[in-house]
């Protein structure tokens, strides 16, 4: 299982986990936020904002839901490999 903890610029302390089949997001503000299966997952890495934050959106298909991460520039080198692993599995 892969997991990464970082301080999301919007959601605060965040843990993103991936077991090869299911992506889960946990935050200190809301606890368990989302549980998504890669077979229905679409991963979009957006543009960097003016503060250097990288946005990453993970949604089931085209129906909405899911979540958006706002990853600070300092955390992106640790978060990016996990995002790419999830994106690769989602195809």
PDB file of N, CA and C in Angstrom:
ATOM      1  N   UNK A   1       0.848  -1.177   0.000  1.00  0.00           N
ATOM      2  CA  UNK A   1       0.000   0.000   0.000  1.00  0.00           C
ATOM      3  C   UNK A   1       0.892   1.238   0.000  1.00  0.00           C
ATOM      4  N   UNK A   2       0.503   2.204  -0.790  1.00  0.00           N
ATOM      5  CA  UNK A   2       1.200   3.481  -0.864  1.00  0.00           C
ATOM      6  C   UNK A   2       0.381   4.517  -0.127  1.00  0.00           C
ATOM      7  N   UNK A   3       1.055   5.324   0.678  1.00  0.00           N
ATOM      8  CA  UNK A   3       0.357   6.441   1.290  1.00  0.00           C
ATOM      9  C   UNK A   3       1.321   7.610   1.430  1.00  0.00           C
ATOM     10  N   UNK A   4       0.751   8.793   1.370  1.00  0.00           N
ATOM     11  CA  UNK A   4       1.538  10.018   1.484  1.00  0.00           C
ATOM     12  C   UNK A   4       0.769  11.000   2.355  1.00  0.00           C
ATOM     13  N   UNK A   5       1.474  11.601   3.285  1.00  0.00           N
ATOM     14  CA  UNK A   5       0.882  12.626   4.144  1.00  0.00           C
ATOM     15  C   UNK A   5       1.495  13.968   3.758  1.00  0.00           C
ATOM     16  N   UNK A   6       0.653  14.986   3.649  1.00  0.00           N
ATOM     17  CA  UNK A   6       1.139  16.326   3.340  1.00  0.00           C
ATOM     18  C   UNK A   6       0.115  17.333   3.833  1.00  0.00           C
ATOM     19  N   UNK A   7       0.521  18.596   3.865  1.00  0.00           N
ATOM     20  CA  UNK A   7      -0.357  19.668   4.315  1.00  0.00           C
ATOM     21  C   UNK A   7      -0.988  20.320   3.096  1.00  0.00           C
ATOM     22  N   UNK A   8      -2.220  19.930   2.754  1.00  0.00           N
ATOM     23  CA  UNK A   8      -2.955  20.489   1.628  1.00  0.00           C
ATOM     24  C   UNK A   8      -3.259  21.960   1.939  1.00  0.00           C
ATOM     25  N   UNK A   9      -3.052  22.818   0.963  1.00  0.00           N
ATOM     26  CA  UNK A   9      -3.241  24.258   1.186  1.00  0.00           C
ATOM     27  C   UNK A   9      -4.673  24.635   1.538  1.00  0.00           C
ATOM     28  N   UNK A  10      -5.642  23.820   1.181  1.00  0.00           N
ATOM     29  CA  UNK A  10      -7.049  24.097   1.475  1.00  0.00           C
ATOM     30  C   UNK A  10      -7.570  23.222   2.617  1.00  0.00           C
ATOM     31  N   UNK A  11      -7.291  21.915   2.561  1.00  0.00           N
ATOM     32  CA  UNK A  11      -7.884  20.957   3.486  1.00  0.00           C
ATOM     33  C   UNK A  11      -7.062  20.687   4.744  1.00  0.00           C
ATOM     34  N   UNK A  12      -5.856  21.237   4.830  1.00  0.00           N
ATOM     35  CA  UNK A  12      -5.003  20.981   5.981  1.00  0.00           C
ATOM     36  C   UNK A  12      -4.300  19.641   5.862  1.00  0.00           C
ATOM     37  N   UNK A  13      -3.943  19.067   7.009  1.00  0.00           N
ATOM     38  CA  UNK A  13      -3.215  17.795   7.001  1.00  0.00           C
ATOM     39  C   UNK A  13      -4.023  16.739   6.257  1.00  0.00           C
ATOM     40  N   UNK A  14      -3.399  16.102   5.281  1.00  0.00           N
ATOM     41  CA  UNK A  14      -4.066  15.181   4.370  1.00  0.00           C
ATOM     42  C   UNK A  14      -3.260  13.908   4.222  1.00  0.00           C
ATOM     43  N   UNK A  15      -3.952  12.787   4.127  1.00  0.00           N
ATOM     44  CA  UNK A  15      -3.306  11.512   3.818  1.00  0.00           C
ATOM     45  C   UNK A  15      -4.016  10.917   2.615  1.00  0.00           C
ATOM     46  N   UNK A  16      -3.237  10.612   1.586  1.00  0.00           N
ATOM     47  CA  UNK A  16      -3.724   9.986   0.368  1.00  0.00           C
ATOM     48  C   UNK A  16      -3.178   8.565   0.352  1.00  0.00           C
ATOM     49  N   UNK A  17      -4.061   7.574   0.228  1.00  0.00           N
ATOM     50  CA  UNK A  17      -3.625   6.174   0.205  1.00  0.00           C
ATOM     51  C   UNK A  17      -4.057   5.512  -1.093  1.00  0.00           C
ATOM     52  N   UNK A  18      -3.273   4.504  -1.506  1.00  0.00           N
ATOM     53  CA  UNK A  18      -3.581   3.759  -2.713  1.00  0.00           C
ATOM     54  C   UNK A  18      -3.070   2.343  -2.545  1.00  0.00           C
ATOM     55  N   UNK A  19      -3.970   1.360  -2.721  1.00  0.00           N
ATOM     56  CA  UNK A  19      -3.585  -0.040  -2.552  1.00  0.00           C
ATOM     57  C   UNK A  19      -3.486  -0.794  -3.873  1.00  0.00           C
ATOM     58  N   UNK A  20      -3.501  -0.054  -4.989  1.00  0.00           N
ATOM     59  CA  UNK A  20      -3.456  -0.675  -6.296  1.00  0.00           C
ATOM     60  C   UNK A  20      -4.817  -0.785  -6.945  1.00  0.00           C
ATOM     61  N   UNK A  21      -5.859  -0.663  -6.138  1.00  0.00           N
ATOM     62  CA  UNK A  21      -7.230  -0.765  -6.640  1.00  0.00           C
ATOM     63  C   UNK A  21      -8.118   0.390  -6.164  1.00  0.00           C
ATOM     64  N   UNK A  22      -7.901   0.839  -4.938  1.00  0.00           N
ATOM     65  CA  UNK A  22      -8.750   1.863  -4.329  1.00  0.00           C
ATOM     66  C   UNK A  22      -7.892   3.034  -3.840  1.00  0.00           C
ATOM     67  N   UNK A  23      -8.354   4.242  -4.156  1.00  0.00           N
ATOM     68  CA  UNK A  23      -7.740   5.477  -3.668  1.00  0.00           C
ATOM     69  C   UNK A  23      -8.612   5.991  -2.535  1.00  0.00           C
ATOM     70  N   UNK A  24      -7.983   6.373  -1.429  1.00  0.00           N
ATOM     71  CA  UNK A  24      -8.735   6.957  -0.314  1.00  0.00           C
ATOM     72  C   UNK A  24      -8.076   8.257   0.115  1.00  0.00           C
ATOM     73  N   UNK A  25      -8.894   9.205   0.509  1.00  0.00           N
ATOM     74  CA  UNK A  25      -8.417  10.497   0.980  1.00  0.00           C
ATOM     75  C   UNK A  25      -8.953  10.740   2.379  1.00  0.00           C
ATOM     76  N   UNK A  26      -8.057  11.127   3.269  1.00  0.00           N
ATOM     77  CA  UNK A  26      -8.407  11.459   4.650  1.00  0.00           C
ATOM     78  C   UNK A  26      -7.853  12.847   4.952  1.00  0.00           C
ATOM     79  N   UNK A  27      -8.644  13.678   5.644  1.00  0.00           N
ATOM     80  CA  UNK A  27      -8.162  14.995   6.041  1.00  0.00           C
ATOM     81  C   UNK A  27      -8.485  15.227   7.510  1.00  0.00           C
ATOM     82  N   UNK A  28      -7.715  16.132   8.129  1.00  0.00           N
ATOM     83  CA  UNK A  28      -7.966  16.433   9.540  1.00  0.00           C
ATOM     84  C   UNK A  28      -9.282  17.170   9.735  1.00  0.00           C
ATOM     85  N   UNK A  29      -9.771  17.840   8.703  1.00  0.00           N
ATOM     86  CA  UNK A  29     -11.022  18.589   8.816  1.00  0.00           C
ATOM     87  C   UNK A  29     -12.254  17.700   8.714  1.00  0.00           C
ATOM     88  N   UNK A  30     -12.176  16.667   7.844  1.00  0.00           N
ATOM     89  CA  UNK A  30     -13.374  15.889   7.558  1.00  0.00           C
ATOM     90  C   UNK A  30     -13.227  14.389   7.767  1.00  0.00           C
ATOM     91  N   UNK A  31     -12.070  13.926   8.189  1.00  0.00           N
ATOM     92  CA  UNK A  31     -11.860  12.480   8.320  1.00  0.00           C
ATOM     93  C   UNK A  31     -11.771  11.839   6.956  1.00  0.00           C
ATOM     94  N   UNK A  32     -12.555  10.806   6.726  1.00  0.00           N
ATOM     95  CA  UNK A  32     -12.563  10.125   5.434  1.00  0.00           C
ATOM     96  C   UNK A  32     -13.376  10.960   4.441  1.00  0.00           C
ATOM     97  N   UNK A  33     -12.719  11.420   3.388  1.00  0.00           N
ATOM     98  CA  UNK A  33     -13.366  12.298   2.415  1.00  0.00           C
ATOM     99  C   UNK A  33     -13.900  11.514   1.223  1.00  0.00           C
ATOM    100  N   UNK A  34     -13.092  10.565   0.709  1.00  0.00           N
ATOM    101  CA  UNK A  34     -13.502   9.862  -0.505  1.00  0.00           C
ATOM    102  C   UNK A  34     -12.823   8.509  -0.595  1.00  0.00           C
ATOM    103  N   UNK A  35     -13.508   7.593  -1.261  1.00  0.00           N
ATOM    104  CA  UNK A  35     -12.984   6.265  -1.560  1.00  0.00           C
ATOM    105  C   UNK A  35     -13.380   5.983  -3.003  1.00  0.00           C
ATOM    106  N   UNK A  36     -12.378   5.888  -3.894  1.00  0.00           N
ATOM    107  CA  UNK A  36     -12.628   5.756  -5.323  1.00  0.00           C
ATOM    108  C   UNK A  36     -11.884   4.545  -5.879  1.00  0.00           C
ATOM    109  N   UNK A  37     -12.531   3.788  -6.740  1.00  0.00           N
ATOM    110  CA  UNK A  37     -11.911   2.622  -7.359  1.00  0.00           C
ATOM    111  C   UNK A  37     -11.294   3.046  -8.695  1.00  0.00           C
ATOM    112  N   UNK A  38     -10.095   2.553  -9.000  1.00  0.00           N
ATOM    113  CA  UNK A  38      -9.380   3.022 -10.191  1.00  0.00           C
ATOM    114  C   UNK A  38     -10.098   2.695 -11.490  1.00  0.00           C
ATOM    115  N   UNK A  39     -10.908   1.667 -11.511  1.00  0.00           N
ATOM    116  CA  UNK A  39     -11.625   1.314 -12.732  1.00  0.00           C
ATOM    117  C   UNK A  39     -12.579   2.385 -13.216  1.00  0.00           C
ATOM    118  N   UNK A  40     -12.978   3.287 -12.334  1.00  0.00           N
ATOM    119  CA  UNK A  40     -13.882   4.381 -12.697  1.00  0.00           C
ATOM    120  C   UNK A  40     -13.225   5.751 -12.541  1.00  0.00           C
ATOM    121  N   UNK A  41     -11.922   5.765 -12.312  1.00  0.00           N
ATOM    122  CA  UNK A  41     -11.238   6.991 -11.911  1.00  0.00           C
ATOM    123  C   UNK A  41     -10.661   7.772 -13.082  1.00  0.00           C
ATOM    124  N   UNK A  42     -10.822   9.080 -13.010  1.00  0.00           N
ATOM    125  CA  UNK A  42     -10.164  10.003 -13.936  1.00  0.00           C
ATOM    126  C   UNK A  42      -9.295  10.931 -13.093  1.00  0.00           C
ATOM    127  N   UNK A  43      -8.013  11.009 -13.441  1.00  0.00           N
ATOM    128  CA  UNK A  43      -7.060  11.837 -12.707  1.00  0.00           C
ATOM    129  C   UNK A  43      -6.617  12.984 -13.605  1.00  0.00           C
ATOM    130  N   UNK A  44      -6.765  14.205 -13.120  1.00  0.00           N
ATOM    131  CA  UNK A  44      -6.351  15.385 -13.868  1.00  0.00           C
ATOM    132  C   UNK A  44      -5.384  16.210 -13.031  1.00  0.00           C
ATOM    133  N   UNK A  45      -4.195  16.430 -13.566  1.00  0.00           N
ATOM    134  CA  UNK A  45      -3.217  17.302 -12.921  1.00  0.00           C
ATOM    135  C   UNK A  45      -3.369  18.661 -13.584  1.00  0.00           C
ATOM    136  N   UNK A  46      -3.795  19.633 -12.806  1.00  0.00           N
ATOM    137  CA  UNK A  46      -4.069  20.970 -13.339  1.00  0.00           C
ATOM    138  C   UNK A  46      -2.828  21.839 -13.377  1.00  0.00           C
ATOM    139  N   UNK A  47      -3.058  23.102 -13.568  1.00  0.00           N
ATOM    140  CA  UNK A  47      -1.979  24.074 -13.623  1.00  0.00           C
ATOM    141  C   UNK A  47      -1.555  24.487 -12.221  1.00  0.00           C
ATOM    142  N   UNK A  48      -0.345  24.971 -12.129  1.00  0.00           N
ATOM    143  CA  UNK A  48       0.166  25.519 -10.873  1.00  0.00           C
ATOM    144  C   UNK A  48      -0.420  26.918 -10.705  1.00  0.00           C
ATOM    145  N   UNK A  49      -0.933  27.211  -9.501  1.00  0.00           N
ATOM    146  CA  UNK A  49      -1.514  28.540  -9.273  1.00  0.00           C
ATOM    147  C   UNK A  49      -0.425  29.562  -8.962  1.00  0.00           C
ATOM    148  N   UNK A  50      -0.821  30.789  -8.742  1.00  0.00           N
ATOM    149  CA  UNK A  50       0.148  31.870  -8.522  1.00  0.00           C
ATOM    150  C   UNK A  50       0.952  31.708  -7.233  1.00  0.00           C
ATOM    151  N   UNK A  51       0.469  30.881  -6.327  1.00  0.00           N
ATOM    152  CA  UNK A  51       1.199  30.616  -5.077  1.00  0.00           C
ATOM    153  C   UNK A  51       2.109  29.399  -5.191  1.00  0.00           C
ATOM    154  N   UNK A  52       2.091  28.744  -6.341  1.00  0.00           N
ATOM    155  CA  UNK A  52       2.939  27.568  -6.549  1.00  0.00           C
ATOM    156  C   UNK A  52       2.271  26.257  -6.200  1.00  0.00           C
ATOM    157  N   UNK A  53       0.983  26.292  -5.843  1.00  0.00           N
ATOM    158  CA  UNK A  53       0.241  25.070  -5.515  1.00  0.00           C
ATOM    159  C   UNK A  53      -0.142  24.308  -6.777  1.00  0.00           C
ATOM    160  N   UNK A  54       0.015  23.000  -6.740  1.00  0.00           N
ATOM    161  CA  UNK A  54      -0.373  22.128  -7.846  1.00  0.00           C
ATOM    162  C   UNK A  54      -1.742  21.540  -7.538  1.00  0.00           C
ATOM    163  N   UNK A  55      -2.692  21.647  -8.466  1.00  0.00           N
ATOM    164  CA  UNK A  55      -4.002  21.043  -8.233  1.00  0.00           C
ATOM    165  C   UNK A  55      -4.055  19.672  -8.898  1.00  0.00           C
ATOM    166  N   UNK A  56      -4.698  18.738  -8.212  1.00  0.00           N
ATOM    167  CA  UNK A  56      -4.900  17.391  -8.722  1.00  0.00           C
ATOM    168  C   UNK A  56      -6.346  17.018  -8.430  1.00  0.00           C
ATOM    169  N   UNK A  57      -7.091  16.658  -9.477  1.00  0.00           N
ATOM    170  CA  UNK A  57      -8.486  16.282  -9.318  1.00  0.00           C
ATOM    171  C   UNK A  57      -8.649  14.806  -9.629  1.00  0.00           C
ATOM    172  N   UNK A  58      -9.336  14.094  -8.762  1.00  0.00           N
ATOM    173  CA  UNK A  58      -9.643  12.685  -8.965  1.00  0.00           C
ATOM    174  C   UNK A  58     -11.147  12.526  -8.858  1.00  0.00           C
ATOM    175  N   UNK A  59     -11.766  12.102  -9.958  1.00  0.00           N
ATOM    176  CA  UNK A  59     -13.223  11.963 -10.009  1.00  0.00           C
ATOM    177  C   UNK A  59     -13.601  10.628 -10.633  1.00  0.00           C
ATOM    178  N   UNK A  60     -14.757  10.086 -10.234  1.00  0.00           N
ATOM    179  CA  UNK A  60     -15.233   8.848 -10.851  1.00  0.00           C
ATOM    180  C   UNK A  60     -15.892   9.160 -12.192  1.00  0.00           C
ATOM    181  N   UNK A  61     -15.248   8.758 -13.277  1.00  0.00           N
ATOM    182  CA  UNK A  61     -15.800   8.991 -14.609  1.00  0.00           C
ATOM    183  C   UNK A  61     -16.002  10.459 -14.887  1.00  0.00           C
ATOM    184  N   UNK A  62     -17.120  10.792 -15.496  1.00  0.00           N
ATOM    185  CA  UNK A  62     -17.444  12.182 -15.826  1.00  0.00           C
ATOM    186  C   UNK A  62     -18.622  12.699 -15.012  1.00  0.00           C
ATOM    187  N   UNK A  63     -18.910  12.064 -13.896  1.00  0.00           N
ATOM    188  CA  UNK A  63     -20.126  12.365 -13.144  1.00  0.00           C
ATOM    189  C   UNK A  63     -19.948  13.356 -12.004  1.00  0.00           C
ATOM    190  N   UNK A  64     -18.743  13.827 -11.758  1.00  0.00           N
ATOM    191  CA  UNK A  64     -18.531  14.707 -10.619  1.00  0.00           C
ATOM    192  C   UNK A  64     -18.221  13.901  -9.375  1.00  0.00           C
ATOM    193  N   UNK A  65     -18.284  14.544  -8.247  1.00  0.00           N
ATOM    194  CA  UNK A  65     -17.887  13.877  -7.015  1.00  0.00           C
ATOM    195  C   UNK A  65     -16.366  13.864  -6.925  1.00  0.00           C
ATOM    196  N   UNK A  66     -15.826  12.938  -6.191  1.00  0.00           N
ATOM    197  CA  UNK A  66     -14.380  12.862  -6.070  1.00  0.00           C
ATOM    198  C   UNK A  66     -13.828  13.982  -5.217  1.00  0.00           C
ATOM    199  N   UNK A  67     -12.599  14.396  -5.531  1.00  0.00           N
ATOM    200  CA  UNK A  67     -11.946  15.429  -4.730  1.00  0.00           C
ATOM    201  C   UNK A  67     -10.857  16.120  -5.527  1.00  0.00           C
ATOM    202  N   UNK A  68     -10.458  17.278  -5.013  1.00  0.00           N
ATOM    203  CA  UNK A  68      -9.333  18.022  -5.575  1.00  0.00           C
ATOM    204  C   UNK A  68      -8.319  18.260  -4.475  1.00  0.00           C
ATOM    205  N   UNK A  69      -7.077  17.939  -4.772  1.00  0.00           N
ATOM    206  CA  UNK A  69      -5.968  18.219  -3.867  1.00  0.00           C
ATOM    207  C   UNK A  69      -5.338  19.543  -4.280  1.00  0.00           C
ATOM    208  N   UNK A  70      -4.872  20.302  -3.311  1.00  0.00           N
ATOM    209  CA  UNK A  70      -4.120  21.524  -3.573  1.00  0.00           C
ATOM    210  C   UNK A  70      -2.778  21.334  -2.881  1.00  0.00           C
ATOM    211  N   UNK A  71      -1.788  20.918  -3.667  1.00  0.00           N
ATOM    212  CA  UNK A  71      -0.504  20.488  -3.124  1.00  0.00           C
ATOM    213  C   UNK A  71       0.505  21.633  -3.186  1.00  0.00           C
ATOM    214  N   UNK A  72       1.034  22.056  -2.032  1.00  0.00           N
ATOM    215  CA  UNK A  72       2.048  23.107  -2.030  1.00  0.00           C
ATOM    216  C   UNK A  72       3.297  22.658  -2.799  1.00  0.00           C
ATOM    217  N   UNK A  73       4.000  23.626  -3.374  1.00  0.00           N
ATOM    218  CA  UNK A  73       5.189  23.331  -4.175  1.00  0.00           C
ATOM    219  C   UNK A  73       6.201  22.479  -3.403  1.00  0.00           C
ATOM    220  N   UNK A  74       6.378  22.749  -2.120  1.00  0.00           N
ATOM    221  CA  UNK A  74       7.354  22.004  -1.324  1.00  0.00           C
ATOM    222  C   UNK A  74       6.980  20.530  -1.171  1.00  0.00           C
ATOM    223  N   UNK A  75       5.684  20.207  -1.210  1.00  0.00           N
ATOM    224  CA  UNK A  75       5.225  18.824  -1.041  1.00  0.00           C
ATOM    225  C   UNK A  75       5.094  18.079  -2.365  1.00  0.00           C
ATOM    226  N   UNK A  76       5.038  18.799  -3.491  1.00  0.00           N
ATOM    227  CA  UNK A  76       4.787  18.169  -4.777  1.00  0.00           C
ATOM    228  C   UNK A  76       5.802  17.073  -5.135  1.00  0.00           C
ATOM    229  N   UNK A  77       7.107  17.232  -4.876  1.00  0.00           N
ATOM    230  CA  UNK A  77       8.041  16.153  -5.214  1.00  0.00           C
ATOM    231  C   UNK A  77       7.728  14.821  -4.522  1.00  0.00           C
ATOM    232  N   UNK A  78       7.124  14.845  -3.343  1.00  0.00           N
ATOM    233  CA  UNK A  78       6.746  13.621  -2.643  1.00  0.00           C
ATOM    234  C   UNK A  78       5.378  13.112  -3.092  1.00  0.00           C
ATOM    235  N   UNK A  79       4.472  14.014  -3.431  1.00  0.00           N
ATOM    236  CA  UNK A  79       3.114  13.636  -3.815  1.00  0.00           C
ATOM    237  C   UNK A  79       3.048  13.187  -5.279  1.00  0.00           C
ATOM    238  N   UNK A  80       3.819  13.790  -6.146  1.00  0.00           N
ATOM    239  CA  UNK A  80       3.745  13.500  -7.577  1.00  0.00           C
ATOM    240  C   UNK A  80       3.905  12.019  -7.921  1.00  0.00           C
ATOM    241  N   UNK A  81       4.882  11.280  -7.343  1.00  0.00           N
ATOM    242  CA  UNK A  81       4.989   9.860  -7.690  1.00  0.00           C
ATOM    243  C   UNK A  81       3.738   9.049  -7.342  1.00  0.00           C
ATOM    244  N   UNK A  82       3.078   9.389  -6.248  1.00  0.00           N
ATOM    245  CA  UNK A  82       1.848   8.684  -5.865  1.00  0.00           C
ATOM    246  C   UNK A  82       0.737   9.020  -6.854  1.00  0.00           C
ATOM    247  N   UNK A  83       0.621  10.283  -7.233  1.00  0.00           N
ATOM    248  CA  UNK A  83      -0.372  10.699  -8.223  1.00  0.00           C
ATOM    249  C   UNK A  83      -0.127   9.961  -9.542  1.00  0.00           C
ATOM    250  N   UNK A  84       1.128   9.879  -9.961  1.00  0.00           N
ATOM    251  CA  UNK A  84       1.449   9.198 -11.220  1.00  0.00           C
ATOM    252  C   UNK A  84       1.167   7.701 -11.137  1.00  0.00           C
ATOM    253  N   UNK A  85       1.403   7.096  -9.974  1.00  0.00           N
ATOM    254  CA  UNK A  85       1.077   5.680  -9.770  1.00  0.00           C
ATOM    255  C   UNK A  85      -0.427   5.453  -9.917  1.00  0.00           C
ATOM    256  N   UNK A  86      -1.218   6.338  -9.308  1.00  0.00           N
ATOM    257  CA  UNK A  86      -2.677   6.237  -9.402  1.00  0.00           C
ATOM    258  C   UNK A  86      -3.130   6.483 -10.830  1.00  0.00           C
ATOM    259  N   UNK A  87      -2.585   7.489 -11.458  1.00  0.00           N
ATOM    260  CA  UNK A  87      -2.957   7.810 -12.844  1.00  0.00           C
ATOM    261  C   UNK A  87      -2.640   6.651 -13.779  1.00  0.00           C
ATOM    262  N   UNK A  88      -1.495   6.035 -13.592  1.00  0.00           N
ATOM    263  CA  UNK A  88      -1.096   4.890 -14.412  1.00  0.00           C
ATOM    264  C   UNK A  88      -2.049   3.713 -14.227  1.00  0.00           C
ATOM    265  N   UNK A  89      -2.430   3.447 -12.986  1.00  0.00           N
ATOM    266  CA  UNK A  89      -3.356   2.340 -12.703  1.00  0.00           C
ATOM    267  C   UNK A  89      -4.741   2.611 -13.284  1.00  0.00           C
ATOM    268  N   UNK A  90      -5.138   3.890 -13.288  1.00  0.00           N
ATOM    269  CA  UNK A  90      -6.462   4.249 -13.805  1.00  0.00           C
ATOM    270  C   UNK A  90      -6.497   4.177 -15.328  1.00  0.00           C
ATOM    271  N   UNK A  91      -5.318   4.265 -15.956  1.00  0.00           N
ATOM    272  CA  UNK A  91      -5.216   4.158 -17.415  1.00  0.00           C
ATOM    273  C   UNK A  91      -5.841   5.295 -18.083  1.00  0.00           C
TER     274      UNK A  91
END
